[in-house]
Amino acid sequence: MKKNLIDLLKKNRKQKGFTLIEMVIVIAIVVMLLVIIAPNLVQQKQRAQTKTDEAFRTTLQTQVELYNDEHPSKKLTSSLEDLATAKDSQGDSYLSEDQKKKLSKYRLENGKVVLINEKK
């Protein structure tokens, strides 16, 4: 009887929960996943920025060519500043305000738009 009572008390004392080793294993798995995923996120962000820069460079190149077609006597060949202030034949600006803010990352070389920090 006494033994049954002691066994019953021991069963009641057992608490449900995680052991320290189980918690360490879970934390180790989470850290390993972060080590694998984090560099990939950085690469994805860099790739997205590169594609954005290339798309904007293409847009600027199109606007430069449009400006040069509409103003054959004063073609843009070395500076994008004229494009930022110029108006087209309908009186609209060639670039939006947001595009004008991004203009400092680009330059014009022989009529071609180039990203300033671009590797050749």
PDB file of N, CA and C in Angstrom:
ATOM      1  N   MET A   1       0.813  -1.187   0.000  1.00  0.00           N
ATOM      2  CA  MET A   1       0.000   0.000   0.000  1.00  0.00           C
ATOM      3  C   MET A   1       0.860   1.256   0.000  1.00  0.00           C
ATOM      4  N   LYS A   2       1.873   1.216   0.873  1.00  0.00           N
ATOM      5  CA  LYS A   2       2.755   2.360   0.963  1.00  0.00           C
ATOM      6  C   LYS A   2       3.474   2.585  -0.376  1.00  0.00           C
ATOM      7  N   LYS A   3       3.889   1.503  -0.986  1.00  0.00           N
ATOM      8  CA  LYS A   3       4.573   1.600  -2.270  1.00  0.00           C
ATOM      9  C   LYS A   3       3.634   2.173  -3.335  1.00  0.00           C
ATOM     10  N   ASN A   4       2.390   1.757  -3.343  1.00  0.00           N
ATOM     11  CA  ASN A   4       1.416   2.286  -4.302  1.00  0.00           C
ATOM     12  C   ASN A   4       1.202   3.778  -4.089  1.00  0.00           C
ATOM     13  N   LEU A   5       1.181   4.197  -2.843  1.00  0.00           N
ATOM     14  CA  LEU A   5       0.997   5.613  -2.529  1.00  0.00           C
ATOM     15  C   LEU A   5       2.201   6.426  -3.009  1.00  0.00           C
ATOM     16  N   ILE A   6       3.398   5.919  -2.811  1.00  0.00           N
ATOM     17  CA  ILE A   6       4.614   6.607  -3.262  1.00  0.00           C
ATOM     18  C   ILE A   6       4.637   6.683  -4.792  1.00  0.00           C
ATOM     19  N   ASP A   7       4.282   5.603  -5.460  1.00  0.00           N
ATOM     20  CA  ASP A   7       4.229   5.614  -6.928  1.00  0.00           C
ATOM     21  C   ASP A   7       3.202   6.621  -7.429  1.00  0.00           C
ATOM     22  N   LEU A   8       2.077   6.693  -6.758  1.00  0.00           N
ATOM     23  CA  LEU A   8       1.025   7.637  -7.138  1.00  0.00           C
ATOM     24  C   LEU A   8       1.508   9.073  -6.967  1.00  0.00           C
ATOM     25  N   LEU A   9       2.212   9.357  -5.875  1.00  0.00           N
ATOM     26  CA  LEU A   9       2.743  10.699  -5.646  1.00  0.00           C
ATOM     27  C   LEU A   9       3.806  11.054  -6.691  1.00  0.00           C
ATOM     28  N   LYS A  10       4.648  10.106  -7.055  1.00  0.00           N
ATOM     29  CA  LYS A  10       5.670  10.354  -8.068  1.00  0.00           C
ATOM     30  C   LYS A  10       5.037  10.660  -9.421  1.00  0.00           C
ATOM     31  N   LYS A  11       3.983   9.951  -9.755  1.00  0.00           N
ATOM     32  CA  LYS A  11       3.295  10.193 -11.027  1.00  0.00           C
ATOM     33  C   LYS A  11       2.680  11.584 -11.036  1.00  0.00           C
ATOM     34  N   ASN A  12       2.132  12.003  -9.913  1.00  0.00           N
ATOM     35  CA  ASN A  12       1.510  13.324  -9.842  1.00  0.00           C
ATOM     36  C   ASN A  12       2.548  14.442  -9.895  1.00  0.00           C
ATOM     37  N   ARG A  13       3.751  14.188  -9.418  1.00  0.00           N
ATOM     38  CA  ARG A  13       4.797  15.201  -9.414  1.00  0.00           C
ATOM     39  C   ARG A  13       5.377  15.442 -10.806  1.00  0.00           C
ATOM     40  N   LYS A  14       5.301  14.477 -11.673  1.00  0.00           N
ATOM     41  CA  LYS A  14       5.858  14.654 -13.015  1.00  0.00           C
ATOM     42  C   LYS A  14       5.106  15.778 -13.712  1.00  0.00           C
ATOM     43  N   GLN A  15       5.860  16.793 -14.087  1.00  0.00           N
ATOM     44  CA  GLN A  15       5.251  17.917 -14.788  1.00  0.00           C
ATOM     45  C   GLN A  15       5.544  17.781 -16.275  1.00  0.00           C
ATOM     46  N   LYS A  16       4.580  18.214 -17.038  1.00  0.00           N
ATOM     47  CA  LYS A  16       4.773  18.163 -18.481  1.00  0.00           C
ATOM     48  C   LYS A  16       5.488  19.435 -18.903  1.00  0.00           C
ATOM     49  N   GLY A  17       6.379  19.319 -19.868  1.00  0.00           N
ATOM     50  CA  GLY A  17       7.122  20.472 -20.367  1.00  0.00           C
ATOM     51  C   GLY A  17       8.333  20.008 -21.143  1.00  0.00           C
ATOM     52  N   PHE A  18       9.140  20.998 -21.555  1.00  0.00           N
ATOM     53  CA  PHE A  18      10.333  20.698 -22.335  1.00  0.00           C
ATOM     54  C   PHE A  18      11.536  20.617 -21.419  1.00  0.00           C
ATOM     55  N   THR A  19      12.421  19.722 -21.736  1.00  0.00           N
ATOM     56  CA  THR A  19      13.672  19.649 -20.992  1.00  0.00           C
ATOM     57  C   THR A  19      14.647  20.653 -21.583  1.00  0.00           C
ATOM     58  N   LEU A  20      15.705  20.918 -20.869  1.00  0.00           N
ATOM     59  CA  LEU A  20      16.719  21.857 -21.331  1.00  0.00           C
ATOM     60  C   LEU A  20      17.353  21.376 -22.637  1.00  0.00           C
ATOM     61  N   ILE A  21      17.592  20.101 -22.742  1.00  0.00           N
ATOM     62  CA  ILE A  21      18.197  19.549 -23.963  1.00  0.00           C
ATOM     63  C   ILE A  21      17.264  19.733 -25.156  1.00  0.00           C
ATOM     64  N   GLU A  22      15.989  19.520 -24.970  1.00  0.00           N
ATOM     65  CA  GLU A  22      15.032  19.719 -26.069  1.00  0.00           C
ATOM     66  C   GLU A  22      15.030  21.178 -26.517  1.00  0.00           C
ATOM     67  N   MET A  23      15.086  22.100 -25.577  1.00  0.00           N
ATOM     68  CA  MET A  23      15.107  23.524 -25.927  1.00  0.00           C
ATOM     69  C   MET A  23      16.392  23.884 -26.675  1.00  0.00           C
ATOM     70  N   VAL A  24      17.517  23.347 -26.238  1.00  0.00           N
ATOM     71  CA  VAL A  24      18.790  23.618 -26.915  1.00  0.00           C
ATOM     72  C   VAL A  24      18.752  23.085 -28.343  1.00  0.00           C
ATOM     73  N   ILE A  25      18.181  21.921 -28.539  1.00  0.00           N
ATOM     74  CA  ILE A  25      18.079  21.342 -29.886  1.00  0.00           C
ATOM     75  C   ILE A  25      17.205  22.216 -30.778  1.00  0.00           C
ATOM     76  N   VAL A  26      16.081  22.672 -30.261  1.00  0.00           N
ATOM     77  CA  VAL A  26      15.185  23.533 -31.048  1.00  0.00           C
ATOM     78  C   VAL A  26      15.891  24.835 -31.410  1.00  0.00           C
ATOM     79  N   ILE A  27      16.573  25.440 -30.455  1.00  0.00           N
ATOM     80  CA  ILE A  27      17.292  26.689 -30.732  1.00  0.00           C
ATOM     81  C   ILE A  27      18.393  26.453 -31.760  1.00  0.00           C
ATOM     82  N   ALA A  28      19.092  25.340 -31.663  1.00  0.00           N
ATOM     83  CA  ALA A  28      20.148  25.024 -32.634  1.00  0.00           C
ATOM     84  C   ALA A  28      19.571  24.879 -34.039  1.00  0.00           C
ATOM     85  N   ILE A  29      18.430  24.244 -34.156  1.00  0.00           N
ATOM     86  CA  ILE A  29      17.789  24.081 -35.470  1.00  0.00           C
ATOM     87  C   ILE A  29      17.383  25.435 -36.032  1.00  0.00           C
ATOM     88  N   VAL A  30      16.807  26.293 -35.199  1.00  0.00           N
ATOM     89  CA  VAL A  30      16.399  27.629 -35.650  1.00  0.00           C
ATOM     90  C   VAL A  30      17.619  28.428 -36.111  1.00  0.00           C
ATOM     91  N   VAL A  31      18.699  28.365 -35.359  1.00  0.00           N
ATOM     92  CA  VAL A  31      19.922  29.082 -35.741  1.00  0.00           C
ATOM     93  C   VAL A  31      20.458  28.558 -37.068  1.00  0.00           C
ATOM     94  N   MET A  32      20.445  27.257 -37.254  1.00  0.00           N
ATOM     95  CA  MET A  32      20.927  26.687 -38.514  1.00  0.00           C
ATOM     96  C   MET A  32      20.074  27.153 -39.689  1.00  0.00           C
ATOM     97  N   LEU A  33      18.776  27.214 -39.499  1.00  0.00           N
ATOM     98  CA  LEU A  33      17.899  27.703 -40.565  1.00  0.00           C
ATOM     99  C   LEU A  33      18.191  29.165 -40.883  1.00  0.00           C
ATOM    100  N   LEU A  34      18.406  29.978 -39.861  1.00  0.00           N
ATOM    101  CA  LEU A  34      18.724  31.387 -40.087  1.00  0.00           C
ATOM    102  C   LEU A  34      20.048  31.555 -40.825  1.00  0.00           C
ATOM    103  N   VAL A  35      21.017  30.731 -40.486  1.00  0.00           N
ATOM    104  CA  VAL A  35      22.316  30.804 -41.160  1.00  0.00           C
ATOM    105  C   VAL A  35      22.166  30.461 -42.640  1.00  0.00           C
ATOM    106  N   ILE A  36      21.272  29.579 -42.955  1.00  0.00           N
ATOM    107  CA  ILE A  36      21.049  29.189 -44.350  1.00  0.00           C
ATOM    108  C   ILE A  36      20.228  30.242 -45.089  1.00  0.00           C
ATOM    109  N   ILE A  37      19.207  30.782 -44.449  1.00  0.00           N
ATOM    110  CA  ILE A  37      18.262  31.681 -45.112  1.00  0.00           C
ATOM    111  C   ILE A  37      18.777  33.113 -45.222  1.00  0.00           C
ATOM    112  N   ALA A  38      19.422  33.643 -44.201  1.00  0.00           N
ATOM    113  CA  ALA A  38      19.821  35.052 -44.175  1.00  0.00           C
ATOM    114  C   ALA A  38      20.698  35.460 -45.358  1.00  0.00           C
ATOM    115  N   PRO A  39      21.751  34.734 -45.698  1.00  0.00           N
ATOM    116  CA  PRO A  39      22.555  35.153 -46.858  1.00  0.00           C
ATOM    117  C   PRO A  39      21.749  35.152 -48.155  1.00  0.00           C
ATOM    118  N   ASN A  40      20.832  34.233 -48.298  1.00  0.00           N
ATOM    119  CA  ASN A  40      19.999  34.173 -49.491  1.00  0.00           C
ATOM    120  C   ASN A  40      19.131  35.424 -49.600  1.00  0.00           C
ATOM    121  N   LEU A  41      18.618  35.919 -48.479  1.00  0.00           N
ATOM    122  CA  LEU A  41      17.803  37.130 -48.496  1.00  0.00           C
ATOM    123  C   LEU A  41      18.621  38.334 -48.942  1.00  0.00           C
ATOM    124  N   VAL A  42      19.858  38.412 -48.489  1.00  0.00           N
ATOM    125  CA  VAL A  42      20.733  39.513 -48.890  1.00  0.00           C
ATOM    126  C   VAL A  42      20.999  39.447 -50.392  1.00  0.00           C
ATOM    127  N   GLN A  43      21.259  38.256 -50.904  1.00  0.00           N
ATOM    128  CA  GLN A  43      21.493  38.100 -52.345  1.00  0.00           C
ATOM    129  C   GLN A  43      20.253  38.480 -53.146  1.00  0.00           C
ATOM    130  N   GLN A  44      19.090  38.088 -52.672  1.00  0.00           N
ATOM    131  CA  GLN A  44      17.848  38.423 -53.375  1.00  0.00           C
ATOM    132  C   GLN A  44      17.648  39.936 -53.417  1.00  0.00           C
ATOM    133  N   LYS A  45      17.954  40.608 -52.313  1.00  0.00           N
ATOM    134  CA  LYS A  45      17.806  42.062 -52.276  1.00  0.00           C
ATOM    135  C   LYS A  45      18.770  42.714 -53.258  1.00  0.00           C
ATOM    136  N   GLN A  46      20.000  42.231 -53.311  1.00  0.00           N
ATOM    137  CA  GLN A  46      20.980  42.785 -54.246  1.00  0.00           C
ATOM    138  C   GLN A  46      20.554  42.550 -55.697  1.00  0.00           C
ATOM    139  N   ARG A  47      20.040  41.368 -55.983  1.00  0.00           N
ATOM    140  CA  ARG A  47      19.563  41.080 -57.348  1.00  0.00           C
ATOM    141  C   ARG A  47      18.394  41.986 -57.725  1.00  0.00           C
ATOM    142  N   ALA A  48      17.488  42.186 -56.791  1.00  0.00           N
ATOM    143  CA  ALA A  48      16.337  43.056 -57.056  1.00  0.00           C
ATOM    144  C   ALA A  48      16.792  44.490 -57.310  1.00  0.00           C
ATOM    145  N   GLN A  49      17.759  44.965 -56.529  1.00  0.00           N
ATOM    146  CA  GLN A  49      18.272  46.322 -56.727  1.00  0.00           C
ATOM    147  C   GLN A  49      18.960  46.452 -58.075  1.00  0.00           C
ATOM    148  N   THR A  50      19.701  45.445 -58.475  1.00  0.00           N
ATOM    149  CA  THR A  50      20.371  45.463 -59.777  1.00  0.00           C
ATOM    150  C   THR A  50      19.356  45.530 -60.908  1.00  0.00           C
ATOM    151  N   LYS A  51      18.306  44.741 -60.801  1.00  0.00           N
ATOM    152  CA  LYS A  51      17.264  44.754 -61.842  1.00  0.00           C
ATOM    153  C   LYS A  51      16.538  46.100 -61.872  1.00  0.00           C
ATOM    154  N   THR A  52      16.295  46.685 -60.703  1.00  0.00           N
ATOM    155  CA  THR A  52      15.651  47.998 -60.629  1.00  0.00           C
ATOM    156  C   THR A  52      16.530  49.058 -61.277  1.00  0.00           C
ATOM    157  N   ASP A  53      17.825  49.033 -60.962  1.00  0.00           N
ATOM    158  CA  ASP A  53      18.759  49.993 -61.560  1.00  0.00           C
ATOM    159  C   ASP A  53      18.810  49.847 -63.076  1.00  0.00           C
ATOM    160  N   GLU A  54      18.823  48.617 -63.553  1.00  0.00           N
ATOM    161  CA  GLU A  54      18.870  48.377 -64.999  1.00  0.00           C
ATOM    162  C   GLU A  54      17.586  48.862 -65.682  1.00  0.00           C
ATOM    163  N   ALA A  55      16.454  48.624 -65.056  1.00  0.00           N
ATOM    164  CA  ALA A  55      15.179  49.080 -65.628  1.00  0.00           C
ATOM    165  C   ALA A  55      15.129  50.606 -65.681  1.00  0.00           C
ATOM    166  N   PHE A  56      15.597  51.253 -64.624  1.00  0.00           N
ATOM    167  CA  PHE A  56      15.590  52.717 -64.614  1.00  0.00           C
ATOM    168  C   PHE A  56      16.591  53.272 -65.624  1.00  0.00           C
ATOM    169  N   ARG A  57      17.738  52.590 -65.773  1.00  0.00           N
ATOM    170  CA  ARG A  57      18.714  53.016 -66.773  1.00  0.00           C
ATOM    171  C   ARG A  57      18.101  52.959 -68.171  1.00  0.00           C
ATOM    172  N   THR A  58      17.335  51.912 -68.432  1.00  0.00           N
ATOM    173  CA  THR A  58      16.663  51.775 -69.731  1.00  0.00           C
ATOM    174  C   THR A  58      15.645  52.900 -69.932  1.00  0.00           C
ATOM    175  N   THR A  59      14.902  53.221 -68.886  1.00  0.00           N
ATOM    176  CA  THR A  59      13.933  54.321 -68.961  1.00  0.00           C
ATOM    177  C   THR A  59      14.639  55.638 -69.257  1.00  0.00           C
ATOM    178  N   LEU A  60      15.731  55.893 -68.549  1.00  0.00           N
ATOM    179  CA  LEU A  60      16.486  57.125 -68.798  1.00  0.00           C
ATOM    180  C   LEU A  60      17.021  57.166 -70.227  1.00  0.00           C
ATOM    181  N   GLN A  61      17.515  56.030 -70.709  1.00  0.00           N
ATOM    182  CA  GLN A  61      18.042  55.980 -72.071  1.00  0.00           C
ATOM    183  C   GLN A  61      16.943  56.312 -73.080  1.00  0.00           C
ATOM    184  N   THR A  62      15.756  55.788 -72.841  1.00  0.00           N
ATOM    185  CA  THR A  62      14.622  56.083 -73.722  1.00  0.00           C
ATOM    186  C   THR A  62      14.295  57.573 -73.700  1.00  0.00           C
ATOM    187  N   GLN A  63      14.323  58.179 -72.512  1.00  0.00           N
ATOM    188  CA  GLN A  63      14.014  59.601 -72.395  1.00  0.00           C
ATOM    189  C   GLN A  63      15.101  60.457 -73.058  1.00  0.00           C
ATOM    190  N   VAL A  64      16.347  60.038 -72.948  1.00  0.00           N
ATOM    191  CA  VAL A  64      17.437  60.761 -73.616  1.00  0.00           C
ATOM    192  C   VAL A  64      17.243  60.708 -75.130  1.00  0.00           C
ATOM    193  N   GLU A  65      16.912  59.544 -75.657  1.00  0.00           N
ATOM    194  CA  GLU A  65      16.698  59.407 -77.102  1.00  0.00           C
ATOM    195  C   GLU A  65      15.496  60.226 -77.565  1.00  0.00           C
ATOM    196  N   LEU A  66      14.447  60.254 -76.763  1.00  0.00           N
ATOM    197  CA  LEU A  66      13.279  61.070 -77.093  1.00  0.00           C
ATOM    198  C   LEU A  66      13.652  62.551 -77.115  1.00  0.00           C
ATOM    199  N   TYR A  67      14.403  62.987 -76.116  1.00  0.00           N
ATOM    200  CA  TYR A  67      14.859  64.384 -76.060  1.00  0.00           C
ATOM    201  C   TYR A  67      15.710  64.712 -77.290  1.00  0.00           C
ATOM    202  N   ASN A  68      16.638  63.813 -77.613  1.00  0.00           N
ATOM    203  CA  ASN A  68      17.514  64.060 -78.764  1.00  0.00           C
ATOM    204  C   ASN A  68      16.733  64.108 -80.072  1.00  0.00           C
ATOM    205  N   ASP A  69      15.682  63.313 -80.194  1.00  0.00           N
ATOM    206  CA  ASP A  69      14.841  63.352 -81.397  1.00  0.00           C
ATOM    207  C   ASP A  69      14.065  64.660 -81.490  1.00  0.00           C
ATOM    208  N   GLU A  70      13.606  65.156 -80.346  1.00  0.00           N
ATOM    209  CA  GLU A  70      12.812  66.390 -80.343  1.00  0.00           C
ATOM    210  C   GLU A  70      13.675  67.650 -80.379  1.00  0.00           C
ATOM    211  N   HIS A  71      14.939  67.542 -80.001  1.00  0.00           N
ATOM    212  CA  HIS A  71      15.849  68.695 -79.985  1.00  0.00           C
ATOM    213  C   HIS A  71      17.146  68.337 -80.721  1.00  0.00           C
ATOM    214  N   PRO A  72      17.085  68.196 -82.040  1.00  0.00           N
ATOM    215  CA  PRO A  72      18.278  67.758 -82.782  1.00  0.00           C
ATOM    216  C   PRO A  72      19.432  68.763 -82.717  1.00  0.00           C
ATOM    217  N   SER A  73      19.142  70.038 -82.471  1.00  0.00           N
ATOM    218  CA  SER A  73      20.215  71.035 -82.440  1.00  0.00           C
ATOM    219  C   SER A  73      20.996  71.014 -81.124  1.00  0.00           C
ATOM    220  N   LYS A  74      20.410  70.504 -80.058  1.00  0.00           N
ATOM    221  CA  LYS A  74      21.121  70.452 -78.765  1.00  0.00           C
ATOM    222  C   LYS A  74      20.960  69.069 -78.127  1.00  0.00           C
ATOM    223  N   LYS A  75      21.561  68.094 -78.764  1.00  0.00           N
ATOM    224  CA  LYS A  75      21.466  66.716 -78.281  1.00  0.00           C
ATOM    225  C   LYS A  75      22.222  66.545 -76.967  1.00  0.00           C
ATOM    226  N   LEU A  76      21.694  65.661 -76.132  1.00  0.00           N
ATOM    227  CA  LEU A  76      22.367  65.310 -74.883  1.00  0.00           C
ATOM    228  C   LEU A  76      23.443  64.279 -75.182  1.00  0.00           C
ATOM    229  N   THR A  77      24.671  64.581 -74.787  1.00  0.00           N
ATOM    230  CA  THR A  77      25.752  63.618 -74.984  1.00  0.00           C
ATOM    231  C   THR A  77      26.581  63.395 -73.725  1.00  0.00           C
ATOM    232  N   SER A  78      26.570  64.365 -72.798  1.00  0.00           N
ATOM    233  CA  SER A  78      27.457  64.227 -71.642  1.00  0.00           C
ATOM    234  C   SER A  78      26.817  64.563 -70.296  1.00  0.00           C
ATOM    235  N   SER A  79      25.604  65.093 -70.275  1.00  0.00           N
ATOM    236  CA  SER A  79      25.001  65.482 -68.999  1.00  0.00           C
ATOM    237  C   SER A  79      23.502  65.193 -68.994  1.00  0.00           C
ATOM    238  N   LEU A  80      23.031  64.679 -67.870  1.00  0.00           N
ATOM    239  CA  LEU A  80      21.600  64.397 -67.723  1.00  0.00           C
ATOM    240  C   LEU A  80      20.840  65.560 -67.087  1.00  0.00           C
ATOM    241  N   GLU A  81      21.563  66.597 -66.637  1.00  0.00           N
ATOM    242  CA  GLU A  81      20.906  67.712 -65.959  1.00  0.00           C
ATOM    243  C   GLU A  81      19.903  68.428 -66.875  1.00  0.00           C
ATOM    244  N   ASP A  82      20.247  68.565 -68.154  1.00  0.00           N
ATOM    245  CA  ASP A  82      19.322  69.222 -69.086  1.00  0.00           C
ATOM    246  C   ASP A  82      18.027  68.434 -69.219  1.00  0.00           C
ATOM    247  N   LEU A  83      18.122  67.130 -69.153  1.00  0.00           N
ATOM    248  CA  LEU A  83      16.931  66.280 -69.258  1.00  0.00           C
ATOM    249  C   LEU A  83      15.999  66.496 -68.061  1.00  0.00           C
ATOM    250  N   ALA A  84      16.572  66.761 -66.895  1.00  0.00           N
ATOM    251  CA  ALA A  84      15.770  66.942 -65.682  1.00  0.00           C
ATOM    252  C   ALA A  84      14.926  68.209 -65.743  1.00  0.00           C
ATOM    253  N   THR A  85      15.413  69.232 -66.426  1.00  0.00           N
ATOM    254  CA  THR A  85      14.683  70.504 -66.475  1.00  0.00           C
ATOM    255  C   THR A  85      13.930  70.719 -67.782  1.00  0.00           C
ATOM    256  N   ALA A  86      14.227  69.937 -68.803  1.00  0.00           N
ATOM    257  CA  ALA A  86      13.634  70.147 -70.128  1.00  0.00           C
ATOM    258  C   ALA A  86      12.168  69.727 -70.171  1.00  0.00           C
ATOM    259  N   LYS A  87      11.444  70.350 -71.094  1.00  0.00           N
ATOM    260  CA  LYS A  87      10.037  70.021 -71.346  1.00  0.00           C
ATOM    261  C   LYS A  87       9.917  69.450 -72.755  1.00  0.00           C
ATOM    262  N   ASP A  88       8.980  68.523 -72.917  1.00  0.00           N
ATOM    263  CA  ASP A  88       8.777  67.960 -74.249  1.00  0.00           C
ATOM    264  C   ASP A  88       7.890  68.880 -75.078  1.00  0.00           C
ATOM    265  N   SER A  89       7.525  68.444 -76.272  1.00  0.00           N
ATOM    266  CA  SER A  89       6.753  69.285 -77.195  1.00  0.00           C
ATOM    267  C   SER A  89       5.368  69.627 -76.664  1.00  0.00           C
ATOM    268  N   GLN A  90       4.881  68.861 -75.695  1.00  0.00           N
ATOM    269  CA  GLN A  90       3.567  69.140 -75.110  1.00  0.00           C
ATOM    270  C   GLN A  90       3.677  69.918 -73.800  1.00  0.00           C
ATOM    271  N   GLY A  91       4.893  70.283 -73.420  1.00  0.00           N
ATOM    272  CA  GLY A  91       5.104  71.057 -72.205  1.00  0.00           C
ATOM    273  C   GLY A  91       5.255  70.226 -70.940  1.00  0.00           C
ATOM    274  N   ASP A  92       5.319  68.918 -71.089  1.00  0.00           N
ATOM    275  CA  ASP A  92       5.499  68.040 -69.927  1.00  0.00           C
ATOM    276  C   ASP A  92       6.984  67.774 -69.706  1.00  0.00           C
ATOM    277  N   SER A  93       7.333  67.482 -68.461  1.00  0.00           N
ATOM    278  CA  SER A  93       8.718  67.149 -68.138  1.00  0.00           C
ATOM    279  C   SER A  93       9.040  65.744 -68.643  1.00  0.00           C
ATOM    280  N   TYR A  94      10.277  65.535 -69.019  1.00  0.00           N
ATOM    281  CA  TYR A  94      10.701  64.209 -69.479  1.00  0.00           C
ATOM    282  C   TYR A  94      10.781  63.215 -68.326  1.00  0.00           C
ATOM    283  N   LEU A  95      11.027  63.723 -67.118  1.00  0.00           N
ATOM    284  CA  LEU A  95      11.179  62.863 -65.948  1.00  0.00           C
ATOM    285  C   LEU A  95      10.218  63.277 -64.843  1.00  0.00           C
ATOM    286  N   SER A  96       9.736  62.291 -64.095  1.00  0.00           N
ATOM    287  CA  SER A  96       8.896  62.588 -62.934  1.00  0.00           C
ATOM    288  C   SER A  96       9.787  63.075 -61.792  1.00  0.00           C
ATOM    289  N   GLU A  97       9.172  63.574 -60.732  1.00  0.00           N
ATOM    290  CA  GLU A  97       9.946  64.047 -59.580  1.00  0.00           C
ATOM    291  C   GLU A  97      10.738  62.906 -58.940  1.00  0.00           C
ATOM    292  N   ASP A  98      10.140  61.734 -58.841  1.00  0.00           N
ATOM    293  CA  ASP A  98      10.856  60.578 -58.283  1.00  0.00           C
ATOM    294  C   ASP A  98      12.060  60.206 -59.145  1.00  0.00           C
ATOM    295  N   GLN A  99      11.888  60.264 -60.447  1.00  0.00           N
ATOM    296  CA  GLN A  99      12.994  59.941 -61.350  1.00  0.00           C
ATOM    297  C   GLN A  99      14.113  60.971 -61.226  1.00  0.00           C
ATOM    298  N   LYS A 100      13.751  62.227 -61.041  1.00  0.00           N
ATOM    299  CA  LYS A 100      14.767  63.275 -60.882  1.00  0.00           C
ATOM    300  C   LYS A 100      15.601  63.038 -59.628  1.00  0.00           C
ATOM    301  N   LYS A 101      14.979  62.516 -58.576  1.00  0.00           N
ATOM    302  CA  LYS A 101      15.704  62.233 -57.332  1.00  0.00           C
ATOM    303  C   LYS A 101      16.727  61.114 -57.523  1.00  0.00           C
ATOM    304  N   LYS A 102      16.431  60.162 -58.394  1.00  0.00           N
ATOM    305  CA  LYS A 102      17.330  59.023 -58.635  1.00  0.00           C
ATOM    306  C   LYS A 102      18.409  59.341 -59.672  1.00  0.00           C
ATOM    307  N   LEU A 103      18.322  60.481 -60.281  1.00  0.00           N
ATOM    308  CA  LEU A 103      19.198  60.834 -61.398  1.00  0.00           C
ATOM    309  C   LEU A 103      20.676  60.903 -61.010  1.00  0.00           C
ATOM    310  N   SER A 104      20.966  61.175 -59.744  1.00  0.00           N
ATOM    311  CA  SER A 104      22.361  61.343 -59.314  1.00  0.00           C
ATOM    312  C   SER A 104      23.169  60.045 -59.396  1.00  0.00           C
ATOM    313  N   LYS A 105      22.512  58.903 -59.500  1.00  0.00           N
ATOM    314  CA  LYS A 105      23.218  57.616 -59.590  1.00  0.00           C
ATOM    315  C   LYS A 105      23.663  57.287 -61.015  1.00  0.00           C
ATOM    316  N   TYR A 106      23.327  58.160 -61.972  1.00  0.00           N
ATOM    317  CA  TYR A 106      23.585  57.863 -63.383  1.00  0.00           C
ATOM    318  C   TYR A 106      24.341  59.013 -64.034  1.00  0.00           C
ATOM    319  N   ARG A 107      25.036  58.682 -65.110  1.00  0.00           N
ATOM    320  CA  ARG A 107      25.710  59.707 -65.905  1.00  0.00           C
ATOM    321  C   ARG A 107      25.532  59.357 -67.385  1.00  0.00           C
ATOM    322  N   LEU A 108      25.850  60.318 -68.218  1.00  0.00           N
ATOM    323  CA  LEU A 108      25.711  60.135 -69.661  1.00  0.00           C
ATOM    324  C   LEU A 108      27.105  60.095 -70.276  1.00  0.00           C
ATOM    325  N   GLU A 109      27.406  59.031 -71.000  1.00  0.00           N
ATOM    326  CA  GLU A 109      28.691  58.893 -71.690  1.00  0.00           C
ATOM    327  C   GLU A 109      28.430  58.672 -73.172  1.00  0.00           C
ATOM    328  N   ASN A 110      28.775  59.658 -73.977  1.00  0.00           N
ATOM    329  CA  ASN A 110      28.582  59.579 -75.430  1.00  0.00           C
ATOM    330  C   ASN A 110      27.147  59.212 -75.797  1.00  0.00           C
ATOM    331  N   GLY A 111      26.200  59.802 -75.102  1.00  0.00           N
ATOM    332  CA  GLY A 111      24.794  59.567 -75.406  1.00  0.00           C
ATOM    333  C   GLY A 111      24.201  58.319 -74.782  1.00  0.00           C
ATOM    334  N   LYS A 112      24.991  57.573 -74.026  1.00  0.00           N
ATOM    335  CA  LYS A 112      24.502  56.352 -73.370  1.00  0.00           C
ATOM    336  C   LYS A 112      24.440  56.570 -71.859  1.00  0.00           C
ATOM    337  N   VAL A 113      23.330  56.166 -71.254  1.00  0.00           N
ATOM    338  CA  VAL A 113      23.158  56.286 -69.806  1.00  0.00           C
ATOM    339  C   VAL A 113      23.890  55.139 -69.129  1.00  0.00           C
ATOM    340  N   VAL A 114      24.681  55.484 -68.098  1.00  0.00           N
ATOM    341  CA  VAL A 114      25.485  54.496 -67.381  1.00  0.00           C
ATOM    342  C   VAL A 114      25.284  54.703 -65.883  1.00  0.00           C
ATOM    343  N   LEU A 115      25.151  53.602 -65.162  1.00  0.00           N
ATOM    344  CA  LEU A 115      25.091  53.645 -63.704  1.00  0.00           C
ATOM    345  C   LEU A 115      26.474  54.032 -63.200  1.00  0.00           C
ATOM    346  N   ILE A 116      26.566  54.983 -62.275  1.00  0.00           N
ATOM    347  CA  ILE A 116      27.864  55.519 -61.856  1.00  0.00           C
ATOM    348  C   ILE A 116      28.771  54.447 -61.271  1.00  0.00           C
ATOM    349  N   ASN A 117      28.264  53.574 -60.415  1.00  0.00           N
ATOM    350  CA  ASN A 117      29.101  52.553 -59.777  1.00  0.00           C
ATOM    351  C   ASN A 117      29.100  51.230 -60.528  1.00  0.00           C
ATOM    352  N   GLU A 118      28.646  51.242 -61.751  1.00  0.00           N
ATOM    353  CA  GLU A 118      28.536  50.012 -62.532  1.00  0.00           C
ATOM    354  C   GLU A 118      29.915  49.490 -62.920  1.00  0.00           C
ATOM    355  N   LYS A 119      30.092  48.168 -62.773  1.00  0.00           N
ATOM    356  CA  LYS A 119      31.345  47.537 -63.187  1.00  0.00           C
ATOM    357  C   LYS A 119      31.287  47.277 -64.679  1.00  0.00           C
ATOM    358  N   LYS A 120      32.380  47.564 -65.355  1.00  0.00           N
ATOM    359  CA  LYS A 120      32.400  47.372 -66.814  1.00  0.00           C
ATOM    360  C   LYS A 120      32.996  46.059 -67.185  1.00  0.00           C
TER     361      LYS A 120
END
